[in-house]
């Protein structure tokens, strides 16, 4: 999980203390922030002249973390749920997303829509023959099966 960003006030305090002549270690101890975080805040301030959040690369995700976790929880709880039903449930929460987006989120978490192989049911004659075989081989030793 991604760590939370520090507030603008905290970042401004870091820059103020740096301007006052304090080192990275002293600032990190005073504000209880890691030294590398202090270093990156100051580097960003030197490069761009601001402590505000700059625009990020790429498109932000359509599903929030909370909605994605709710989807995964629902799909794990009800394995036979369809993508359309999941789509309706996310629309009720207030996030309308496409079926492929939901499918992609489930695939990333390791949930896939697979169908079990169809097996023929045992008929009464099969059950009788199996019982007859089992009763005839009750006393057999383990060596008998090693052929």
C-alpha atoms as a PDB file:
ATOM      1  CA  UNK A   1       0.000   0.000   0.000  1.00  0.00           C
ATOM      2  CA  UNK A   2       1.228   3.486  -0.853  1.00  0.00           C
ATOM      3  CA  UNK A   3       2.183   5.717   2.093  1.00  0.00           C
ATOM      4  CA  UNK A   4       0.126   8.842   2.692  1.00  0.00           C
ATOM      5  CA  UNK A   5       1.468  12.196   1.554  1.00  0.00           C
ATOM      6  CA  UNK A   6       2.480  14.763   4.119  1.00  0.00           C
ATOM      7  CA  UNK A   7       0.287  17.850   4.435  1.00  0.00           C
ATOM      8  CA  UNK A   8       1.270  21.135   2.863  1.00  0.00           C
ATOM      9  CA  UNK A   9       1.872  22.623   6.342  1.00  0.00           C
ATOM     10  CA  UNK A  10       4.393  19.889   7.232  1.00  0.00           C
ATOM     11  CA  UNK A  11       6.242  20.359   3.946  1.00  0.00           C
ATOM     12  CA  UNK A  12       6.325  24.143   4.521  1.00  0.00           C
ATOM     13  CA  UNK A  13       7.763  23.574   8.024  1.00  0.00           C
ATOM     14  CA  UNK A  14      10.513  21.426   6.526  1.00  0.00           C
ATOM     15  CA  UNK A  15      11.451  24.219   4.105  1.00  0.00           C
ATOM     16  CA  UNK A  16      11.316  26.861   6.882  1.00  0.00           C
ATOM     17  CA  UNK A  17      13.677  24.834   9.074  1.00  0.00           C
ATOM     18  CA  UNK A  18      15.983  24.275   6.088  1.00  0.00           C
ATOM     19  CA  UNK A  19      16.044  28.027   5.391  1.00  0.00           C
ATOM     20  CA  UNK A  20      16.857  28.602   9.077  1.00  0.00           C
ATOM     21  CA  UNK A  21      20.019  26.538   8.576  1.00  0.00           C
ATOM     22  CA  UNK A  22      19.060  23.192  10.129  1.00  0.00           C
ATOM     23  CA  UNK A  23      20.370  19.989   8.553  1.00  0.00           C
ATOM     24  CA  UNK A  24      18.332  17.065   7.253  1.00  0.00           C
ATOM     25  CA  UNK A  25      18.908  14.984  10.387  1.00  0.00           C
ATOM     26  CA  UNK A  26      17.820  17.754  12.787  1.00  0.00           C
ATOM     27  CA  UNK A  27      14.701  18.516  10.712  1.00  0.00           C
ATOM     28  CA  UNK A  28      13.733  14.843  10.543  1.00  0.00           C
ATOM     29  CA  UNK A  29      14.112  14.447  14.312  1.00  0.00           C
ATOM     30  CA  UNK A  30      12.192  17.670  15.053  1.00  0.00           C
ATOM     31  CA  UNK A  31       9.225  16.810  12.803  1.00  0.00           C
ATOM     32  CA  UNK A  32       9.377  13.015  13.247  1.00  0.00           C
ATOM     33  CA  UNK A  33       9.776  12.394   9.501  1.00  0.00           C
ATOM     34  CA  UNK A  34      12.355  10.148   7.868  1.00  0.00           C
ATOM     35  CA  UNK A  35      15.531  11.824   6.627  1.00  0.00           C
ATOM     36  CA  UNK A  36      14.968  10.667   3.051  1.00  0.00           C
ATOM     37  CA  UNK A  37      11.508  12.276   3.059  1.00  0.00           C
ATOM     38  CA  UNK A  38      12.982  15.569   4.298  1.00  0.00           C
ATOM     39  CA  UNK A  39      15.624  15.294   1.592  1.00  0.00           C
ATOM     40  CA  UNK A  40      13.068  14.714  -1.167  1.00  0.00           C
ATOM     41  CA  UNK A  41      10.849  17.605   0.037  1.00  0.00           C
ATOM     42  CA  UNK A  42      13.825  19.993  -0.025  1.00  0.00           C
ATOM     43  CA  UNK A  43      15.003  18.675  -3.414  1.00  0.00           C
ATOM     44  CA  UNK A  44      11.538  19.276  -4.853  1.00  0.00           C
ATOM     45  CA  UNK A  45      11.415  22.768  -3.325  1.00  0.00           C
ATOM     46  CA  UNK A  46      14.820  23.644  -4.808  1.00  0.00           C
ATOM     47  CA  UNK A  47      13.859  22.326  -8.259  1.00  0.00           C
ATOM     48  CA  UNK A  48      10.308  23.678  -8.593  1.00  0.00           C
ATOM     49  CA  UNK A  49      10.206  26.412  -5.948  1.00  0.00           C
ATOM     50  CA  UNK A  50       7.016  25.062  -4.382  1.00  0.00           C
ATOM     51  CA  UNK A  51       5.867  22.483  -1.840  1.00  0.00           C
ATOM     52  CA  UNK A  52       2.487  21.943  -3.526  1.00  0.00           C
ATOM     53  CA  UNK A  53       1.532  18.604  -5.058  1.00  0.00           C
ATOM     54  CA  UNK A  54       2.556  18.590  -8.700  1.00  0.00           C
ATOM     55  CA  UNK A  55       0.504  16.794 -11.366  1.00  0.00           C
ATOM     56  CA  UNK A  56       1.383  13.125 -11.710  1.00  0.00           C
ATOM     57  CA  UNK A  57       2.147  11.117 -14.820  1.00  0.00           C
ATOM     58  CA  UNK A  58      -0.532   8.925 -16.356  1.00  0.00           C
ATOM     59  CA  UNK A  59      -4.224   8.602 -15.885  1.00  0.00           C
ATOM     60  CA  UNK A  60      -5.485   8.207 -12.311  1.00  0.00           C
ATOM     61  CA  UNK A  61      -7.237   4.887 -11.623  1.00  0.00           C
ATOM     62  CA  UNK A  62     -10.987   4.827 -12.213  1.00  0.00           C
ATOM     63  CA  UNK A  63     -11.601   2.575  -9.199  1.00  0.00           C
ATOM     64  CA  UNK A  64     -10.595   3.925  -5.812  1.00  0.00           C
ATOM     65  CA  UNK A  65      -8.769   1.599  -3.447  1.00  0.00           C
ATOM     66  CA  UNK A  66     -11.851   1.292  -1.281  1.00  0.00           C
ATOM     67  CA  UNK A  67     -14.127   0.340  -4.207  1.00  0.00           C
ATOM     68  CA  UNK A  68     -11.530  -2.133  -5.515  1.00  0.00           C
ATOM     69  CA  UNK A  69     -11.294  -3.859  -2.123  1.00  0.00           C
ATOM     70  CA  UNK A  70     -15.105  -4.015  -1.896  1.00  0.00           C
ATOM     71  CA  UNK A  71     -15.240  -5.637  -5.361  1.00  0.00           C
ATOM     72  CA  UNK A  72     -12.650  -8.236  -4.421  1.00  0.00           C
ATOM     73  CA  UNK A  73     -14.422  -8.952  -1.139  1.00  0.00           C
ATOM     74  CA  UNK A  74     -17.779  -9.447  -2.881  1.00  0.00           C
ATOM     75  CA  UNK A  75     -16.313 -11.641  -5.634  1.00  0.00           C
ATOM     76  CA  UNK A  76     -14.514 -13.806  -3.068  1.00  0.00           C
ATOM     77  CA  UNK A  77     -17.654 -14.119  -0.945  1.00  0.00           C
ATOM     78  CA  UNK A  78     -19.872 -15.083  -3.910  1.00  0.00           C
ATOM     79  CA  UNK A  79     -17.736 -16.920  -6.496  1.00  0.00           C
ATOM     80  CA  UNK A  80     -20.609 -17.332  -8.969  1.00  0.00           C
ATOM     81  CA  UNK A  81     -21.364 -13.586  -9.171  1.00  0.00           C
ATOM     82  CA  UNK A  82     -21.326 -12.144 -12.705  1.00  0.00           C
ATOM     83  CA  UNK A  83     -19.456  -9.063 -13.872  1.00  0.00           C
ATOM     84  CA  UNK A  84     -22.780  -7.347 -14.598  1.00  0.00           C
ATOM     85  CA  UNK A  85     -23.907  -7.831 -10.990  1.00  0.00           C
ATOM     86  CA  UNK A  86     -20.589  -6.452  -9.738  1.00  0.00           C
ATOM     87  CA  UNK A  87     -20.979  -3.538 -12.145  1.00  0.00           C
ATOM     88  CA  UNK A  88     -24.430  -2.756 -10.716  1.00  0.00           C
ATOM     89  CA  UNK A  89     -23.140  -2.943  -7.147  1.00  0.00           C
ATOM     90  CA  UNK A  90     -20.325  -0.484  -7.915  1.00  0.00           C
ATOM     91  CA  UNK A  91     -22.821   1.836  -9.629  1.00  0.00           C
ATOM     92  CA  UNK A  92     -24.899   1.841  -6.423  1.00  0.00           C
ATOM     93  CA  UNK A  93     -21.813   2.915  -4.471  1.00  0.00           C
ATOM     94  CA  UNK A  94     -21.395   5.774  -6.948  1.00  0.00           C
ATOM     95  CA  UNK A  95     -18.616   4.563  -9.245  1.00  0.00           C
ATOM     96  CA  UNK A  96     -19.739   3.548 -12.716  1.00  0.00           C
ATOM     97  CA  UNK A  97     -17.051   1.442 -14.359  1.00  0.00           C
ATOM     98  CA  UNK A  98     -16.947  -0.911 -17.335  1.00  0.00           C
ATOM     99  CA  UNK A  99     -17.019  -4.704 -17.000  1.00  0.00           C
ATOM    100  CA  UNK A 100     -13.458  -5.010 -18.317  1.00  0.00           C
ATOM    101  CA  UNK A 101     -12.233  -2.602 -15.617  1.00  0.00           C
ATOM    102  CA  UNK A 102     -13.829  -4.813 -12.961  1.00  0.00           C
ATOM    103  CA  UNK A 103     -12.404  -7.933 -14.621  1.00  0.00           C
ATOM    104  CA  UNK A 104      -8.925  -6.363 -14.718  1.00  0.00           C
ATOM    105  CA  UNK A 105      -9.104  -5.446 -11.016  1.00  0.00           C
ATOM    106  CA  UNK A 106     -10.159  -9.006 -10.114  1.00  0.00           C
ATOM    107  CA  UNK A 107      -7.389 -10.521 -12.281  1.00  0.00           C
ATOM    108  CA  UNK A 108      -4.758  -8.362 -10.567  1.00  0.00           C
ATOM    109  CA  UNK A 109      -5.878  -9.736  -7.207  1.00  0.00           C
ATOM    110  CA  UNK A 110      -5.731 -13.345  -8.485  1.00  0.00           C
ATOM    111  CA  UNK A 111      -9.460 -13.980  -9.079  1.00  0.00           C
ATOM    112  CA  UNK A 112     -10.314 -15.460 -12.475  1.00  0.00           C
ATOM    113  CA  UNK A 113     -13.638 -16.530 -13.986  1.00  0.00           C
ATOM    114  CA  UNK A 114     -13.090 -20.186 -14.675  1.00  0.00           C
ATOM    115  CA  UNK A 115     -15.754 -22.851 -15.118  1.00  0.00           C
ATOM    116  CA  UNK A 116     -15.354 -26.267 -13.490  1.00  0.00           C
ATOM    117  CA  UNK A 117     -15.075 -29.290 -15.750  1.00  0.00           C
ATOM    118  CA  UNK A 118     -18.329 -31.216 -16.164  1.00  0.00           C
ATOM    119  CA  UNK A 119     -18.126 -34.719 -14.777  1.00  0.00           C
ATOM    120  CA  UNK A 120     -20.715 -37.405 -15.409  1.00  0.00           C
ATOM    121  CA  UNK A 121     -22.691 -38.432 -12.332  1.00  0.00           C
ATOM    122  CA  UNK A 122     -22.365 -41.969 -10.954  1.00  0.00           C
ATOM    123  CA  UNK A 123     -25.201 -44.247 -11.957  1.00  0.00           C
ATOM    124  CA  UNK A 124     -26.584 -46.960  -9.661  1.00  0.00           C
ATOM    125  CA  UNK A 125     -24.712 -49.653 -11.615  1.00  0.00           C
ATOM    126  CA  UNK A 126     -21.413 -47.741 -11.101  1.00  0.00           C
ATOM    127  CA  UNK A 127     -22.040 -47.534  -7.351  1.00  0.00           C
ATOM    128  CA  UNK A 128     -22.757 -51.292  -7.155  1.00  0.00           C
ATOM    129  CA  UNK A 129     -19.639 -52.238  -9.107  1.00  0.00           C
ATOM    130  CA  UNK A 130     -17.458 -49.941  -6.957  1.00  0.00           C
ATOM    131  CA  UNK A 131     -18.881 -51.418  -3.755  1.00  0.00           C
ATOM    132  CA  UNK A 132     -18.332 -54.954  -5.074  1.00  0.00           C
ATOM    133  CA  UNK A 133     -14.694 -54.119  -5.954  1.00  0.00           C
ATOM    134  CA  UNK A 134     -14.069 -52.516  -2.528  1.00  0.00           C
ATOM    135  CA  UNK A 135     -15.550 -55.454  -0.590  1.00  0.00           C
ATOM    136  CA  UNK A 136     -13.586 -57.989  -2.635  1.00  0.00           C
ATOM    137  CA  UNK A 137     -10.274 -56.150  -1.942  1.00  0.00           C
ATOM    138  CA  UNK A 138     -10.771 -55.318   1.760  1.00  0.00           C
ATOM    139  CA  UNK A 139      -8.078 -57.694   3.024  1.00  0.00           C
ATOM    140  CA  UNK A 140      -5.455 -56.901   0.385  1.00  0.00           C
ATOM    141  CA  UNK A 141      -2.003 -55.798   1.504  1.00  0.00           C
ATOM    142  CA  UNK A 142      -0.149 -52.714   0.296  1.00  0.00           C
ATOM    143  CA  UNK A 143       2.296 -54.933  -1.627  1.00  0.00           C
ATOM    144  CA  UNK A 144      -0.518 -56.250  -3.780  1.00  0.00           C
ATOM    145  CA  UNK A 145      -1.105 -52.780  -5.248  1.00  0.00           C
ATOM    146  CA  UNK A 146       2.580 -52.309  -6.188  1.00  0.00           C
ATOM    147  CA  UNK A 147       2.708 -53.970  -9.588  1.00  0.00           C
END
